[in-house]
Structure formats: C-alpha cells, structure tokens
Amino acid sequence: MARSIDPEDYQHVPRPVAAMPKDFPAGFQIAAHSHPRAQLIHAVAGSMWVEADPGAWAVPPRYALWIPGGIRHSVRMVTAVAMRTLYIDTDRVDRLPADCTVIAVSPLLRELIVAAAGEPLEYDEAGRGGHVVALLLDELRASPAAPVHLPMPRDRRLVRLADQLLADPARDDTLEGWGAAVGASARTLARRFREETGMSFAEWRQRARLVLALARLAEGEAVGSVALGLGYRSASAFTAMFRRTIGHAPATYRPDPAISGPRNGRA
C-alpha cells in the first residue's frame, strides 16, 4: 500500500515522529497553511523557498527548515524537489527549537530522515523504527543553525523597501535614497530596521542577497551571473562573502547534474 502524501494523515499518528515522503515539480507552490505538529522540511534533492510570518528562507540541499506547530507558511519549489518531511509532536519530544530555524543537515541526519520515511507510520517503538527515530532526534538537537534566515519587517514603509530590494537586489541606494522613495527619513528607516529585524539595513541587505543567492545557485545559475545580478562587482568578492558566511564555496550549491529530479514522480 502506497504511503499517504496528505499531511493531515500525519498529524495524529500515535508516534512522536511521522515521516512523509512527497515529490514536487519545479515551480510548484504550496499555499499558506499550518499544521498542529511541528515540521522539519528537508529536500534530499532540490531546493525550496519558504515564507512564514517571521520571515523568508532559502532551503537548499544540506539544509532543513524547522517550523513550530501552528505557524502559517507557504512553500515554492525552486527546482524539482524530493521532499522528506518530519511531523513531530513536541508535547512528546523536548529540547527542540522554539522558533523557525534553518539547520545544517549532516550526512547522518539525512540518512536517518530517509530511513524514518521508509518505516511504517506506526513503527515499532521498541524496534528498528524506534531506534532510528531516537537517533534522529538526538542528531537533530545537535544540528547547528544556519545563517540563512531573512527576517521581514512589518512597517509598511519598510515592507515596500524590502519588496523592491528583493525584486532588484543589485539596487544600491543609500537609506536617504530609499527614504525619498518610501516616505520616511533615513534615521527613521535605520531605527525601524534595527527594531523590527534585529539587523542594520546594510546587514539585512547582505543577508537578503545571500538568501537569494542560494535560491539562484540551486536553479543552476552560474556563480558569476549570480554575483553580478546581486550587485557584486566581481565573482571573487561574492565568493569571499559567501564562503565567509556559509563556510562553503557557492559552486557547491549548484545542482548535481547526476540528479535529474524527484525519484517517484508524484506531485
């Protein structure tokens, strides 16, 4: 019997963790929704863009996004995606993040997620399934957070600024220039950015460019093209920023040509 690909079937399983495998074509969009259980979204192949009330995230391979229960979020598949989602009952599982968090997925955690998706939904808690889940949760707790969260402002003027900058990330206006465009002084914009995002405007713009870079690299765009499109004067300057922040060269985030897309073709 094929495993369900309806998330509702995973919310009340009498186990602390329920793993759902589901594949999507490139460009597929999941409208804003929420789940009673917390959710760990991971793609064993492909890349996603996720928006939620607290912000926006690029989720390329090697990463997963933790979303607490009840948080509304939407998902866009940047490429074809082989998604493996864990729905976790945080009333039964402790020491997990309280907020939306992107985590680095180790090779061990990746294989444990895949293994959990291969176990029966009502796996034997005293057998292999229970051991896989217990080790998975230990590895999840030990996984470091990644600096790819883009907190979104709420002030209408800052929202206009953020939307325009995300649409044209190479735009290099000063806060004075932005202030004239959105109807606020540079001082007000600087203060509200810090209050609402926890970052200076310059820090937020660099983070926005980094998050957009991850999405563009996952689509297969060349490193040099990504760098120029984001406003960097050279690929080397972009690569230095990327490596300093992420810890890897940007080329490692381009899709593997050996992976053509989801394995089971379900949408």
C-alpha atoms as a PDB file:
ATOM      1  CA  MET A   1       0.000   0.000   0.000  1.00  0.00           C
ATOM      2  CA  ALA A   2       1.435   3.392  -1.012  1.00  0.00           C
ATOM      3  CA  ARG A   3       2.266   5.815   1.795  1.00  0.00           C
ATOM      4  CA  SER A   4      -0.116   8.783   2.094  1.00  0.00           C
ATOM      5  CA  ILE A   5       1.035  12.149   0.727  1.00  0.00           C
ATOM      6  CA  ASP A   6      -1.705  14.051   2.587  1.00  0.00           C
ATOM      7  CA  PRO A   7      -0.137  15.968   5.522  1.00  0.00           C
ATOM      8  CA  GLU A   8      -3.363  15.661   7.509  1.00  0.00           C
ATOM      9  CA  ASP A   9      -2.766  11.916   7.791  1.00  0.00           C
ATOM     10  CA  TYR A  10       0.434  12.605   9.764  1.00  0.00           C
ATOM     11  CA  GLN A  11      -0.860  14.978  12.434  1.00  0.00           C
ATOM     12  CA  HIS A  12      -2.400  12.494  14.862  1.00  0.00           C
ATOM     13  CA  VAL A  13      -0.302   9.365  14.364  1.00  0.00           C
ATOM     14  CA  PRO A  14       0.265   7.717  17.775  1.00  0.00           C
ATOM     15  CA  ARG A  15       4.029   8.172  17.480  1.00  0.00           C
ATOM     16  CA  PRO A  16       6.193  11.202  18.341  1.00  0.00           C
ATOM     17  CA  VAL A  17       7.553  11.442  14.777  1.00  0.00           C
ATOM     18  CA  ALA A  18       5.769  10.831  11.463  1.00  0.00           C
ATOM     19  CA  ALA A  19       7.800  10.998   8.234  1.00  0.00           C
ATOM     20  CA  MET A  20       6.167  11.868   4.899  1.00  0.00           C
ATOM     21  CA  PRO A  21       7.897  11.460   1.511  1.00  0.00           C
ATOM     22  CA  LYS A  22       6.457  13.690  -1.209  1.00  0.00           C
ATOM     23  CA  ASP A  23       7.893  14.903  -4.516  1.00  0.00           C
ATOM     24  CA  PHE A  24       7.109  18.089  -6.438  1.00  0.00           C
ATOM     25  CA  PRO A  25       7.909  19.533  -9.872  1.00  0.00           C
ATOM     26  CA  ALA A  26       9.855  22.771 -10.239  1.00  0.00           C
ATOM     27  CA  GLY A  27       7.698  25.853  -9.691  1.00  0.00           C
ATOM     28  CA  PHE A  28       5.044  24.038  -7.649  1.00  0.00           C
ATOM     29  CA  GLN A  29       3.619  26.257  -4.902  1.00  0.00           C
ATOM     30  CA  ILE A  30       2.005  25.240  -1.630  1.00  0.00           C
ATOM     31  CA  ALA A  31      -0.313  27.985  -0.401  1.00  0.00           C
ATOM     32  CA  ALA A  32      -0.052  29.385   3.124  1.00  0.00           C
ATOM     33  CA  HIS A  33      -1.156  26.824   5.719  1.00  0.00           C
ATOM     34  CA  SER A  34      -0.203  25.464   9.129  1.00  0.00           C
ATOM     35  CA  HIS A  35      -0.075  22.112  10.931  1.00  0.00           C
ATOM     36  CA  PRO A  36      -0.789  21.139  14.540  1.00  0.00           C
ATOM     37  CA  ARG A  37       2.581  19.388  14.741  1.00  0.00           C
ATOM     38  CA  ALA A  38       5.981  20.971  14.337  1.00  0.00           C
ATOM     39  CA  GLN A  39       7.555  20.264  10.966  1.00  0.00           C
ATOM     40  CA  LEU A  40      11.073  19.673   9.670  1.00  0.00           C
ATOM     41  CA  ILE A  41      11.148  20.300   5.912  1.00  0.00           C
ATOM     42  CA  HIS A  42      14.085  18.749   4.079  1.00  0.00           C
ATOM     43  CA  ALA A  43      14.756  18.032   0.417  1.00  0.00           C
ATOM     44  CA  VAL A  44      17.021  15.093  -0.368  1.00  0.00           C
ATOM     45  CA  ALA A  45      17.128  16.604  -3.869  1.00  0.00           C
ATOM     46  CA  GLY A  46      16.144  20.096  -4.973  1.00  0.00           C
ATOM     47  CA  SER A  47      15.677  23.495  -3.375  1.00  0.00           C
ATOM     48  CA  MET A  48      12.756  25.398  -1.816  1.00  0.00           C
ATOM     49  CA  TRP A  49      11.783  28.956  -0.907  1.00  0.00           C
ATOM     50  CA  VAL A  50       9.687  29.185   2.255  1.00  0.00           C
ATOM     51  CA  GLU A  51       7.853  32.216   3.635  1.00  0.00           C
ATOM     52  CA  ALA A  52       6.255  32.393   7.077  1.00  0.00           C
ATOM     53  CA  ASP A  53       5.100  35.092   9.466  1.00  0.00           C
ATOM     54  CA  PRO A  54       8.627  35.517  10.939  1.00  0.00           C
ATOM     55  CA  GLY A  55      10.493  35.792   7.626  1.00  0.00           C
ATOM     56  CA  ALA A  56      11.727  34.025   4.493  1.00  0.00           C
ATOM     57  CA  TRP A  57      14.212  31.224   3.925  1.00  0.00           C
ATOM     58  CA  ALA A  58      16.014  29.571   1.039  1.00  0.00           C
ATOM     59  CA  VAL A  59      16.264  25.856   1.822  1.00  0.00           C
ATOM     60  CA  PRO A  60      18.815  24.210  -0.492  1.00  0.00           C
ATOM     61  CA  PRO A  61      20.160  20.666  -0.153  1.00  0.00           C
ATOM     62  CA  ARG A  62      22.179  20.099   3.048  1.00  0.00           C
ATOM     63  CA  TYR A  63      19.698  22.211   4.991  1.00  0.00           C
ATOM     64  CA  ALA A  64      16.275  21.773   6.563  1.00  0.00           C
ATOM     65  CA  LEU A  65      13.749  24.242   7.957  1.00  0.00           C
ATOM     66  CA  TRP A  66      12.205  23.727  11.380  1.00  0.00           C
ATOM     67  CA  ILE A  67       8.704  25.222  11.698  1.00  0.00           C
ATOM     68  CA  PRO A  68       6.899  25.046  15.060  1.00  0.00           C
ATOM     69  CA  GLY A  69       3.315  23.865  15.075  1.00  0.00           C
ATOM     70  CA  GLY A  70       0.688  26.462  14.240  1.00  0.00           C
ATOM     71  CA  ILE A  71       2.982  28.736  12.182  1.00  0.00           C
ATOM     72  CA  ARG A  72       1.471  29.629   8.809  1.00  0.00           C
ATOM     73  CA  HIS A  73       3.900  29.160   5.940  1.00  0.00           C
ATOM     74  CA  SER A  74       3.990  28.789   2.165  1.00  0.00           C
ATOM     75  CA  VAL A  75       6.482  26.890   0.020  1.00  0.00           C
ATOM     76  CA  ARG A  76       7.687  27.365  -3.549  1.00  0.00           C
ATOM     77  CA  MET A  77       9.760  24.696  -5.253  1.00  0.00           C
ATOM     78  CA  VAL A  78      12.749  26.456  -6.836  1.00  0.00           C
ATOM     79  CA  THR A  79      13.664  23.218  -8.623  1.00  0.00           C
ATOM     80  CA  ALA A  80      12.146  19.760  -8.737  1.00  0.00           C
ATOM     81  CA  VAL A  81      12.104  18.644  -5.100  1.00  0.00           C
ATOM     82  CA  ALA A  82      12.191  15.267  -3.382  1.00  0.00           C
ATOM     83  CA  MET A  83      10.833  16.420  -0.020  1.00  0.00           C
ATOM     84  CA  ARG A  84      11.072  14.372   3.138  1.00  0.00           C
ATOM     85  CA  THR A  85       9.072  15.990   5.934  1.00  0.00           C
ATOM     86  CA  LEU A  86       9.030  15.071   9.602  1.00  0.00           C
ATOM     87  CA  TYR A  87       5.955  15.949  11.664  1.00  0.00           C
ATOM     88  CA  ILE A  88       6.968  15.996  15.317  1.00  0.00           C
ATOM     89  CA  ASP A  89       4.751  16.032  18.408  1.00  0.00           C
ATOM     90  CA  THR A  90       6.591  18.495  20.639  1.00  0.00           C
ATOM     91  CA  ASP A  91       4.386  17.513  23.584  1.00  0.00           C
ATOM     92  CA  ARG A  92       6.285  14.209  23.500  1.00  0.00           C
ATOM     93  CA  VAL A  93       9.667  15.437  22.298  1.00  0.00           C
ATOM     94  CA  ASP A  94      11.628  18.119  24.153  1.00  0.00           C
ATOM     95  CA  ARG A  95      14.703  20.312  23.541  1.00  0.00           C
ATOM     96  CA  LEU A  96      13.754  21.323  20.000  1.00  0.00           C
ATOM     97  CA  PRO A  97      13.769  24.905  18.635  1.00  0.00           C
ATOM     98  CA  ALA A  98      11.008  27.276  19.714  1.00  0.00           C
ATOM     99  CA  ASP A  99      11.237  29.382  16.545  1.00  0.00           C
ATOM    100  CA  CYS A 100      11.551  28.834  12.793  1.00  0.00           C
ATOM    101  CA  THR A 101      15.159  27.793  12.208  1.00  0.00           C
ATOM    102  CA  VAL A 102      17.230  26.590   9.276  1.00  0.00           C
ATOM    103  CA  ILE A 103      19.601  23.838  10.356  1.00  0.00           C
ATOM    104  CA  ALA A 104      22.548  22.221   8.632  1.00  0.00           C
ATOM    105  CA  VAL A 105      21.745  18.587   7.774  1.00  0.00           C
ATOM    106  CA  SER A 106      24.654  16.233   8.354  1.00  0.00           C
ATOM    107  CA  PRO A 107      25.037  13.116   6.163  1.00  0.00           C
ATOM    108  CA  LEU A 108      23.921  11.044   9.173  1.00  0.00           C
ATOM    109  CA  LEU A 109      20.787  13.132   9.764  1.00  0.00           C
ATOM    110  CA  ARG A 110      19.929  12.954   6.063  1.00  0.00           C
ATOM    111  CA  GLU A 111      20.101   9.161   6.075  1.00  0.00           C
ATOM    112  CA  LEU A 112      18.078   8.964   9.281  1.00  0.00           C
ATOM    113  CA  ILE A 113      15.337  11.124   7.718  1.00  0.00           C
ATOM    114  CA  VAL A 114      15.268   8.845   4.680  1.00  0.00           C
ATOM    115  CA  ALA A 115      15.214   5.765   6.932  1.00  0.00           C
ATOM    116  CA  ALA A 116      12.333   7.168   9.004  1.00  0.00           C
ATOM    117  CA  ALA A 117      10.326   7.762   5.822  1.00  0.00           C
ATOM    118  CA  GLY A 118      10.788   4.086   4.991  1.00  0.00           C
ATOM    119  CA  GLU A 119       9.405   2.841   8.319  1.00  0.00           C
ATOM    120  CA  PRO A 120       5.697   2.148   8.881  1.00  0.00           C
ATOM    121  CA  LEU A 121       3.781   5.146  10.228  1.00  0.00           C
ATOM    122  CA  GLU A 122       3.060   3.198  13.414  1.00  0.00           C
ATOM    123  CA  TYR A 123       6.611   1.892  13.671  1.00  0.00           C
ATOM    124  CA  ASP A 124       7.698  -0.412  16.484  1.00  0.00           C
ATOM    125  CA  GLU A 125       8.914   1.974  19.174  1.00  0.00           C
ATOM    126  CA  ALA A 126      10.936  -0.827  20.772  1.00  0.00           C
ATOM    127  CA  GLY A 127      12.374  -1.976  17.427  1.00  0.00           C
ATOM    128  CA  ARG A 128      14.299  -0.574  14.467  1.00  0.00           C
ATOM    129  CA  GLY A 129      11.858   2.287  13.834  1.00  0.00           C
ATOM    130  CA  GLY A 130      12.075   3.468  17.424  1.00  0.00           C
ATOM    131  CA  HIS A 131      15.876   3.322  17.370  1.00  0.00           C
ATOM    132  CA  VAL A 132      16.018   5.272  14.083  1.00  0.00           C
ATOM    133  CA  VAL A 133      13.725   7.979  15.471  1.00  0.00           C
ATOM    134  CA  ALA A 134      15.612   8.228  18.786  1.00  0.00           C
ATOM    135  CA  LEU A 135      18.944   8.703  16.991  1.00  0.00           C
ATOM    136  CA  LEU A 136      17.320  11.095  14.502  1.00  0.00           C
ATOM    137  CA  LEU A 137      16.075  13.315  17.329  1.00  0.00           C
ATOM    138  CA  ASP A 138      19.489  13.302  19.012  1.00  0.00           C
ATOM    139  CA  GLU A 139      21.150  14.312  15.735  1.00  0.00           C
ATOM    140  CA  LEU A 140      18.505  16.984  15.118  1.00  0.00           C
ATOM    141  CA  ARG A 141      19.134  18.530  18.544  1.00  0.00           C
ATOM    142  CA  ALA A 142      22.872  18.633  17.814  1.00  0.00           C
ATOM    143  CA  SER A 143      22.483  20.244  14.373  1.00  0.00           C
ATOM    144  CA  PRO A 144      23.782  23.825  14.131  1.00  0.00           C
ATOM    145  CA  ALA A 145      21.584  26.670  12.945  1.00  0.00           C
ATOM    146  CA  ALA A 146      22.495  28.225   9.582  1.00  0.00           C
ATOM    147  CA  PRO A 147      22.629  31.994   8.830  1.00  0.00           C
ATOM    148  CA  VAL A 148      20.063  31.928   6.036  1.00  0.00           C
ATOM    149  CA  HIS A 149      17.038  33.400   7.818  1.00  0.00           C
ATOM    150  CA  LEU A 150      15.801  36.665   6.355  1.00  0.00           C
ATOM    151  CA  PRO A 151      13.634  38.407   8.983  1.00  0.00           C
ATOM    152  CA  MET A 152      10.963  40.506   7.300  1.00  0.00           C
ATOM    153  CA  PRO A 153       9.910  43.940   8.598  1.00  0.00           C
ATOM    154  CA  ARG A 154       6.279  44.854   9.248  1.00  0.00           C
ATOM    155  CA  ASP A 155       6.265  48.650   8.968  1.00  0.00           C
ATOM    156  CA  ARG A 156       4.543  49.406   5.638  1.00  0.00           C
ATOM    157  CA  ARG A 157       7.409  51.650   4.511  1.00  0.00           C
ATOM    158  CA  LEU A 158       9.995  49.001   5.293  1.00  0.00           C
ATOM    159  CA  VAL A 159       7.851  46.358   3.592  1.00  0.00           C
ATOM    160  CA  ARG A 160       7.846  48.459   0.392  1.00  0.00           C
ATOM    161  CA  LEU A 161      11.616  48.832   0.647  1.00  0.00           C
ATOM    162  CA  ALA A 162      12.155  45.117   1.303  1.00  0.00           C
ATOM    163  CA  ASP A 163       9.879  44.036  -1.545  1.00  0.00           C
ATOM    164  CA  GLN A 164      11.638  46.337  -4.014  1.00  0.00           C
ATOM    165  CA  LEU A 165      15.073  45.210  -2.880  1.00  0.00           C
ATOM    166  CA  LEU A 166      14.167  41.534  -3.160  1.00  0.00           C
ATOM    167  CA  ALA A 167      12.883  42.192  -6.680  1.00  0.00           C
ATOM    168  CA  ASP A 168      16.046  44.126  -7.595  1.00  0.00           C
ATOM    169  CA  PRO A 169      18.824  43.023  -5.202  1.00  0.00           C
ATOM    170  CA  ALA A 170      21.552  44.805  -7.190  1.00  0.00           C
ATOM    171  CA  ARG A 171      19.951  48.143  -6.345  1.00  0.00           C
ATOM    172  CA  ASP A 172      22.466  50.025  -4.201  1.00  0.00           C
ATOM    173  CA  ASP A 173      20.538  53.086  -2.996  1.00  0.00           C
ATOM    174  CA  THR A 174      21.508  54.666   0.302  1.00  0.00           C
ATOM    175  CA  LEU A 175      18.958  54.924   3.097  1.00  0.00           C
ATOM    176  CA  GLU A 176      18.497  58.565   2.101  1.00  0.00           C
ATOM    177  CA  GLY A 177      17.539  57.424  -1.392  1.00  0.00           C
ATOM    178  CA  TRP A 178      15.220  54.752  -0.058  1.00  0.00           C
ATOM    179  CA  GLY A 179      13.674  57.234   2.335  1.00  0.00           C
ATOM    180  CA  ALA A 180      12.683  59.505  -0.544  1.00  0.00           C
ATOM    181  CA  ALA A 181      11.148  56.515  -2.330  1.00  0.00           C
ATOM    182  CA  VAL A 182       9.090  55.170   0.587  1.00  0.00           C
ATOM    183  CA  GLY A 183       8.317  58.358   2.501  1.00  0.00           C
ATOM    184  CA  ALA A 184      10.494  58.242   5.617  1.00  0.00           C
ATOM    185  CA  SER A 185      13.738  59.776   6.822  1.00  0.00           C
ATOM    186  CA  ALA A 186      16.952  57.774   6.702  1.00  0.00           C
ATOM    187  CA  ARG A 187      17.139  57.951  10.502  1.00  0.00           C
ATOM    188  CA  THR A 188      13.618  56.521  10.865  1.00  0.00           C
ATOM    189  CA  LEU A 189      14.336  53.705   8.428  1.00  0.00           C
ATOM    190  CA  ALA A 190      17.593  52.816  10.180  1.00  0.00           C
ATOM    191  CA  ARG A 191      15.909  52.752  13.593  1.00  0.00           C
ATOM    192  CA  ARG A 192      12.897  50.734  12.466  1.00  0.00           C
ATOM    193  CA  PHE A 193      15.056  48.210  10.589  1.00  0.00           C
ATOM    194  CA  ARG A 194      17.007  47.523  13.765  1.00  0.00           C
ATOM    195  CA  GLU A 195      13.833  47.316  15.880  1.00  0.00           C
ATOM    196  CA  GLU A 196      11.895  45.026  13.524  1.00  0.00           C
ATOM    197  CA  THR A 197      14.607  42.732  12.118  1.00  0.00           C
ATOM    198  CA  GLY A 198      17.407  42.882  14.679  1.00  0.00           C
ATOM    199  CA  MET A 199      19.767  43.957  11.881  1.00  0.00           C
ATOM    200  CA  SER A 200      21.071  47.159  10.425  1.00  0.00           C
ATOM    201  CA  PHE A 201      19.876  47.953   6.918  1.00  0.00           C
ATOM    202  CA  ALA A 202      23.319  47.033   5.492  1.00  0.00           C
ATOM    203  CA  GLU A 203      23.269  43.694   7.340  1.00  0.00           C
ATOM    204  CA  TRP A 204      19.739  42.959   6.162  1.00  0.00           C
ATOM    205  CA  ARG A 205      20.615  43.754   2.532  1.00  0.00           C
ATOM    206  CA  GLN A 206      23.625  41.428   2.632  1.00  0.00           C
ATOM    207  CA  ARG A 207      21.521  38.654   4.193  1.00  0.00           C
ATOM    208  CA  ALA A 208      18.842  39.174   1.523  1.00  0.00           C
ATOM    209  CA  ARG A 209      21.459  38.832  -1.193  1.00  0.00           C
ATOM    210  CA  LEU A 210      22.823  35.682   0.428  1.00  0.00           C
ATOM    211  CA  VAL A 211      19.379  34.064   0.681  1.00  0.00           C
ATOM    212  CA  LEU A 212      18.565  34.977  -2.938  1.00  0.00           C
ATOM    213  CA  ALA A 213      21.971  33.631  -3.993  1.00  0.00           C
ATOM    214  CA  LEU A 214      21.183  30.226  -2.504  1.00  0.00           C
ATOM    215  CA  ALA A 215      17.928  30.067  -4.464  1.00  0.00           C
ATOM    216  CA  ARG A 216      19.577  31.156  -7.742  1.00  0.00           C
ATOM    217  CA  LEU A 217      22.508  28.773  -7.361  1.00  0.00           C
ATOM    218  CA  ALA A 218      20.052  25.929  -6.734  1.00  0.00           C
ATOM    219  CA  GLU A 219      18.368  26.779 -10.046  1.00  0.00           C
ATOM    220  CA  GLY A 220      21.701  26.203 -11.775  1.00  0.00           C
ATOM    221  CA  GLU A 221      22.661  29.829 -12.436  1.00  0.00           C
ATOM    222  CA  ALA A 222      26.423  30.360 -12.869  1.00  0.00           C
ATOM    223  CA  VAL A 223      28.315  31.856  -9.926  1.00  0.00           C
ATOM    224  CA  GLY A 224      29.474  34.869 -11.957  1.00  0.00           C
ATOM    225  CA  SER A 225      25.945  35.604 -13.138  1.00  0.00           C
ATOM    226  CA  VAL A 226      24.579  35.342  -9.583  1.00  0.00           C
ATOM    227  CA  ALA A 227      27.282  37.699  -8.302  1.00  0.00           C
ATOM    228  CA  LEU A 228      26.576  40.379 -10.902  1.00  0.00           C
ATOM    229  CA  GLY A 229      22.803  40.007 -10.542  1.00  0.00           C
ATOM    230  CA  LEU A 230      23.081  40.646  -6.803  1.00  0.00           C
ATOM    231  CA  GLY A 231      25.189  43.765  -7.175  1.00  0.00           C
ATOM    232  CA  TYR A 232      28.690  42.426  -6.540  1.00  0.00           C
ATOM    233  CA  ARG A 233      31.454  43.898  -8.669  1.00  0.00           C
ATOM    234  CA  SER A 234      33.144  40.539  -9.173  1.00  0.00           C
ATOM    235  CA  ALA A 235      32.565  36.835  -8.665  1.00  0.00           C
ATOM    236  CA  SER A 236      35.556  36.754  -6.308  1.00  0.00           C
ATOM    237  CA  ALA A 237      34.024  39.372  -3.978  1.00  0.00           C
ATOM    238  CA  PHE A 238      30.755  37.448  -3.916  1.00  0.00           C
ATOM    239  CA  THR A 239      32.547  34.134  -3.341  1.00  0.00           C
ATOM    240  CA  ALA A 240      34.523  35.601  -0.423  1.00  0.00           C
ATOM    241  CA  MET A 241      31.309  36.833   1.256  1.00  0.00           C
ATOM    242  CA  PHE A 242      29.537  33.540   0.622  1.00  0.00           C
ATOM    243  CA  ARG A 243      32.388  31.396   1.935  1.00  0.00           C
ATOM    244  CA  ARG A 244      32.829  33.640   4.985  1.00  0.00           C
ATOM    245  CA  THR A 245      29.134  33.376   5.871  1.00  0.00           C
ATOM    246  CA  ILE A 246      28.194  29.839   4.809  1.00  0.00           C
ATOM    247  CA  GLY A 247      31.547  28.087   5.079  1.00  0.00           C
ATOM    248  CA  HIS A 248      31.491  26.615   1.556  1.00  0.00           C
ATOM    249  CA  ALA A 249      32.126  27.894  -1.941  1.00  0.00           C
ATOM    250  CA  PRO A 250      28.962  28.935  -3.825  1.00  0.00           C
ATOM    251  CA  ALA A 251      29.621  26.424  -6.620  1.00  0.00           C
ATOM    252  CA  THR A 252      28.877  23.583  -4.193  1.00  0.00           C
ATOM    253  CA  TYR A 253      25.241  24.759  -4.031  1.00  0.00           C
ATOM    254  CA  ARG A 254      24.587  24.401  -7.752  1.00  0.00           C
ATOM    255  CA  PRO A 255      22.545  21.289  -8.639  1.00  0.00           C
ATOM    256  CA  ASP A 256      24.310  17.987  -9.160  1.00  0.00           C
ATOM    257  CA  PRO A 257      23.887  17.091 -12.873  1.00  0.00           C
ATOM    258  CA  ALA A 258      23.533  13.467 -11.821  1.00  0.00           C
ATOM    259  CA  ILE A 259      20.261  14.336 -10.045  1.00  0.00           C
ATOM    260  CA  SER A 260      17.512  14.872 -12.586  1.00  0.00           C
ATOM    261  CA  GLY A 261      14.701  15.473 -10.096  1.00  0.00           C
ATOM    262  CA  PRO A 262      12.315  13.579  -7.824  1.00  0.00           C
ATOM    263  CA  ARG A 263      12.592   9.847  -7.774  1.00  0.00           C
ATOM    264  CA  ASN A 264       8.994   8.739  -7.702  1.00  0.00           C
ATOM    265  CA  GLY A 265       7.392  11.466  -9.809  1.00  0.00           C
ATOM    266  CA  ARG A 266       4.445  12.187  -7.517  1.00  0.00           C
ATOM    267  CA  ALA A 267       3.114  15.754  -7.320  1.00  0.00           C
END
